């Protein structure tokens, strides 16, 4: 017996905001939609939730199907359900964002679906309400990266302090004081000196660090306050 009669079909989609860092700026992975409506226009990656999976499993499946990557940092953002957001059929979208280190995954991501990494500073017009989703994801990233070591998911396994500072400057769009930034990060005790130098450094070779995995897990949800208060003024 159907205890929940419902005469209307409502689809549940999952849209994935995949952010990466190329050493200079944040980029978003986009594809050109290959079906109507809005065929040929820029879109986030996404798909429909299956009846036999929960939301996070659906997001991880879609990300793997579209990129070939597993074990990404994935976080649910929010739901979008305006009645007219999809002109074909009533569709509610659950949005997730994922963080990717471009150095490890650049060729793989581009080849899978002919996707393109596009700077957040030069985004094209996106379909439906996808730009609203991207703005919300960036707001979430900025908030969380100031308080938790979330941003480090965007870096390679070994990185220099100048690379780390460039990442945070890209996230917030402001220059940061070098000495204060170094002091704040070293005070977290998250970094381990590898004893290696950055051969790509144009000035004196910078030391390379890696994350202490145990302290990273312990402190991921701690309030560490990486950024100055003026960021949020």
Protein backbone atom coordinates (compact mmCIF):
# COMPACT_ATOMS: atom_id res chain seq x y z
CA UNK A 1 0.00 0.00 0.00
CA UNK A 2 1.29 3.43 -0.91
CA UNK A 3 1.29 5.34 2.39
CA UNK A 4 2.69 8.50 0.83
CA UNK A 5 0.57 9.27 -2.22
CA UNK A 6 2.16 11.97 -4.35
CA UNK A 7 0.86 12.79 -7.82
CA UNK A 8 3.86 14.88 -8.93
CA UNK A 9 7.33 13.71 -9.90
CA UNK A 10 10.24 15.74 -8.54
CA UNK A 11 13.77 14.94 -9.64
CA UNK A 12 16.79 15.21 -7.35
CA UNK A 13 20.00 16.30 -9.03
CA UNK A 14 23.50 16.61 -7.61
CA UNK A 15 25.70 19.43 -8.89
CA UNK A 16 29.41 19.36 -8.12
CA UNK A 17 31.58 22.44 -7.78
CA UNK A 18 35.16 21.27 -8.34
CA UNK A 19 37.74 23.86 -7.30
CA UNK A 20 41.47 23.67 -7.96
CA UNK A 21 44.56 25.82 -7.43
CA UNK A 22 47.25 26.18 -10.11
CA UNK A 23 49.83 27.95 -7.97
CA UNK A 24 48.53 31.41 -8.84
CA UNK A 25 44.73 31.43 -8.83
CA UNK A 26 41.66 29.39 -8.02
CA UNK A 27 39.99 27.62 -10.93
CA UNK A 28 36.65 25.94 -11.48
CA UNK A 29 36.14 22.80 -13.56
CA UNK A 30 33.39 23.34 -16.13
CA UNK A 31 31.97 21.45 -19.10
CA UNK A 32 29.92 22.52 -22.08
CA UNK A 33 26.47 21.00 -21.80
CA UNK A 34 25.90 18.43 -24.55
CA UNK A 35 22.10 18.29 -24.51
CA UNK A 36 19.13 20.61 -24.46
CA UNK A 37 18.12 22.86 -22.86
CA UNK A 38 21.13 25.19 -22.83
CA UNK A 39 23.16 22.89 -25.08
CA UNK A 40 26.65 24.26 -25.71
CA UNK A 41 26.69 26.55 -22.68
CA UNK A 42 28.97 26.26 -19.66
CA UNK A 43 27.77 24.10 -16.80
CA UNK A 44 28.88 22.57 -13.54
CA UNK A 45 29.34 18.82 -13.49
CA UNK A 46 26.38 16.90 -12.20
CA UNK A 47 23.88 14.08 -12.49
CA UNK A 48 20.77 12.62 -10.91
CA UNK A 49 20.56 10.85 -7.55
CA UNK A 50 19.73 7.16 -7.72
CA UNK A 51 17.00 5.62 -5.59
CA UNK A 52 19.47 3.30 -3.84
CA UNK A 53 22.09 5.83 -2.68
CA UNK A 54 22.34 8.56 -0.10
CA UNK A 55 23.41 12.08 -1.01
CA UNK A 56 27.13 11.86 -0.26
CA UNK A 57 27.47 8.50 -2.02
CA UNK A 58 25.67 10.00 -5.01
CA UNK A 59 28.06 12.95 -5.08
CA UNK A 60 31.11 10.69 -4.86
CA UNK A 61 29.76 8.45 -7.64
CA UNK A 62 29.08 11.40 -9.92
CA UNK A 63 32.51 12.88 -9.24
CA UNK A 64 34.16 9.55 -10.00
CA UNK A 65 32.09 8.99 -13.16
CA UNK A 66 32.95 12.46 -14.45
CA UNK A 67 36.57 12.77 -13.32
CA UNK A 68 37.88 9.31 -12.52
CA UNK A 69 39.03 10.54 -9.12
CA UNK A 70 38.29 9.00 -5.74
CA UNK A 71 39.01 10.21 -2.21
CA UNK A 72 38.46 13.90 -2.88
CA UNK A 73 37.54 16.31 -0.13
CA UNK A 74 33.77 16.63 -0.64
CA UNK A 75 31.35 18.74 1.38
CA UNK A 76 27.62 19.28 0.99
CA UNK A 77 26.81 22.94 0.42
CA UNK A 78 23.05 23.49 0.20
CA UNK A 79 19.89 22.73 -1.77
CA UNK A 80 18.40 24.75 -4.62
CA UNK A 81 14.73 24.22 -5.34
CA UNK A 82 13.16 27.24 -7.02
CA UNK A 83 10.22 26.06 -9.08
CA UNK A 84 11.49 27.37 -12.42
CA UNK A 85 15.21 26.67 -12.00
CA UNK A 86 15.09 23.88 -14.64
CA UNK A 87 12.74 24.65 -17.55
CA UNK A 88 12.22 20.98 -18.46
CA UNK A 89 11.02 19.42 -15.24
CA UNK A 90 10.77 20.24 -11.54
CA UNK A 91 14.26 19.50 -10.22
CA UNK A 92 15.80 20.05 -6.82
CA UNK A 93 19.58 20.25 -6.82
CA UNK A 94 21.77 19.27 -3.89
CA UNK A 95 25.14 20.98 -4.30
CA UNK A 96 28.49 19.62 -3.18
CA UNK A 97 31.90 21.19 -3.54
CA UNK A 98 35.17 19.32 -3.95
CA UNK A 99 38.77 20.51 -3.65
CA UNK A 100 41.42 19.21 -6.06
CA UNK A 101 45.17 19.56 -6.27
CA UNK A 102 45.68 20.39 -9.95
CA UNK A 103 49.27 19.16 -9.97
CA UNK A 104 48.07 15.59 -9.40
CA UNK A 105 44.90 15.54 -11.48
CA UNK A 106 45.13 18.08 -14.31
CA UNK A 107 45.49 15.68 -17.31
CA UNK A 108 43.04 13.16 -15.87
CA UNK A 109 40.30 15.70 -15.30
CA UNK A 110 40.64 17.34 -18.71
CA UNK A 111 40.61 14.10 -20.67
CA UNK A 112 37.59 12.47 -19.05
CA UNK A 113 34.84 14.82 -20.26
CA UNK A 114 36.73 17.49 -22.22
CA UNK A 115 36.38 19.71 -19.21
CA UNK A 116 38.08 23.05 -18.84
CA UNK A 117 39.68 24.73 -15.84
CA UNK A 118 38.54 28.34 -15.83
CA UNK A 119 39.72 31.07 -13.49
CA UNK A 120 37.18 32.23 -10.93
CA UNK A 121 38.21 35.74 -11.93
CA UNK A 122 37.03 35.20 -15.52
CA UNK A 123 34.02 32.92 -15.35
CA UNK A 124 31.71 32.70 -18.38
CA UNK A 125 27.96 32.86 -18.00
CA UNK A 126 26.70 29.60 -16.47
CA UNK A 127 23.39 27.81 -17.00
CA UNK A 128 20.42 27.96 -14.64
CA UNK A 129 21.43 29.01 -11.10
CA UNK A 130 24.96 27.59 -11.28
CA UNK A 131 26.65 30.96 -10.73
CA UNK A 132 24.69 31.35 -7.49
CA UNK A 133 25.97 27.93 -6.44
CA UNK A 134 29.58 28.86 -7.19
CA UNK A 135 29.29 32.09 -5.19
CA UNK A 136 27.93 30.15 -2.21
CA UNK A 137 30.76 27.60 -2.45
CA UNK A 138 33.38 30.33 -2.51
CA UNK A 139 31.81 32.00 0.54
CA UNK A 140 31.90 28.65 2.37
CA UNK A 141 35.51 28.00 1.36
CA UNK A 142 36.60 31.44 2.56
CA UNK A 143 34.88 31.02 5.88
CA UNK A 144 36.15 27.52 6.59
CA UNK A 145 39.70 28.05 5.30
CA UNK A 146 40.14 30.89 7.80
CA UNK A 147 39.39 28.61 10.73
CA UNK A 148 40.38 25.11 9.62
CA UNK A 149 43.25 23.67 7.52
CA UNK A 150 40.81 23.09 4.66
CA UNK A 151 42.73 25.08 2.06
CA UNK A 152 45.68 22.70 2.21
CA UNK A 153 43.61 20.16 0.27
CA UNK A 154 44.37 22.32 -2.79
CA UNK A 155 48.16 21.99 -2.53
CA UNK A 156 50.56 19.25 -3.68
CA UNK A 157 52.00 16.86 -1.10
CA UNK A 158 55.11 19.04 -0.73
CA UNK A 159 54.84 22.81 -0.82
CA UNK A 160 56.70 25.93 0.22
CA UNK A 161 55.46 28.68 2.51
CA UNK A 162 55.31 31.12 -0.45
CA UNK A 163 53.07 28.62 -2.29
CA UNK A 164 50.88 28.31 0.78
CA UNK A 165 50.59 32.08 1.09
CA UNK A 166 49.69 32.43 -2.60
CA UNK A 167 46.90 29.92 -2.08
CA UNK A 168 45.38 31.89 0.77
CA UNK A 169 45.78 35.15 -1.11
CA UNK A 170 43.93 33.55 -4.06
CA UNK A 171 41.12 32.34 -1.80
CA UNK A 172 40.59 35.76 -0.21
CA UNK A 173 41.68 38.05 -3.02
CA UNK A 174 43.89 40.17 -0.79
CA UNK A 175 47.65 40.36 -0.10
CA UNK A 176 48.77 38.95 3.26
CA UNK A 177 51.66 40.01 5.45
CA UNK A 178 54.46 37.45 4.95
CA UNK A 179 55.79 37.40 8.51
CA UNK A 180 52.40 37.21 10.19
CA UNK A 181 51.28 34.49 7.80
CA UNK A 182 54.37 32.35 8.49
CA UNK A 183 54.00 32.84 12.24
CA UNK A 184 50.34 31.83 12.26
CA UNK A 185 50.90 28.70 10.23
CA UNK A 186 53.95 27.51 12.12
CA UNK A 187 52.08 28.03 15.41
CA UNK A 188 49.57 25.34 14.32
CA UNK A 189 52.34 22.69 14.23
CA UNK A 190 50.68 21.22 11.15
CA UNK A 191 53.79 21.42 8.96
CA UNK A 192 56.79 19.10 8.75
CA UNK A 193 60.02 20.32 7.14
CA UNK A 194 61.00 17.75 4.49
CA UNK A 195 64.59 18.99 4.32
CA UNK A 196 64.12 19.58 0.59
CA UNK A 197 64.17 22.82 -1.38
CA UNK A 198 61.83 24.13 -4.06
CA UNK A 199 63.83 23.90 -7.29
CA UNK A 200 61.29 26.07 -9.12
CA UNK A 201 61.77 29.05 -6.82
CA UNK A 202 62.99 32.09 -8.77
CA UNK A 203 64.78 33.53 -5.75
CA UNK A 204 66.54 31.71 -2.93
CA UNK A 205 65.23 28.16 -2.91
CA UNK A 206 62.40 27.88 -0.40
CA UNK A 207 62.10 24.95 2.00
CA UNK A 208 59.45 22.37 1.20
CA UNK A 209 56.97 21.23 3.82
CA UNK A 210 54.33 18.58 4.07
CA UNK A 211 51.36 18.13 6.36
CA UNK A 212 51.65 16.16 9.56
CA UNK A 213 48.77 13.73 8.83
CA UNK A 214 48.00 12.97 12.47
CA UNK A 215 47.84 16.60 13.55
CA UNK A 216 45.91 17.46 10.38
CA UNK A 217 43.18 14.99 11.34
CA UNK A 218 43.21 16.10 14.96
CA UNK A 219 43.00 19.79 14.18
CA UNK A 220 40.78 19.73 11.09
CA UNK A 221 37.73 20.83 13.05
CA UNK A 222 39.61 23.02 15.53
CA UNK A 223 39.32 26.79 15.41
CA UNK A 224 42.82 27.89 14.36
CA UNK A 225 42.19 31.42 13.03
CA UNK A 226 44.60 31.56 10.08
CA UNK A 227 43.30 34.83 8.72
CA UNK A 228 43.17 38.37 10.19
CA UNK A 229 39.75 39.62 11.30
CA UNK A 230 39.78 42.34 8.61
CA UNK A 231 39.17 39.64 5.98
CA UNK A 232 35.58 39.42 7.19
CA UNK A 233 34.90 43.13 7.71
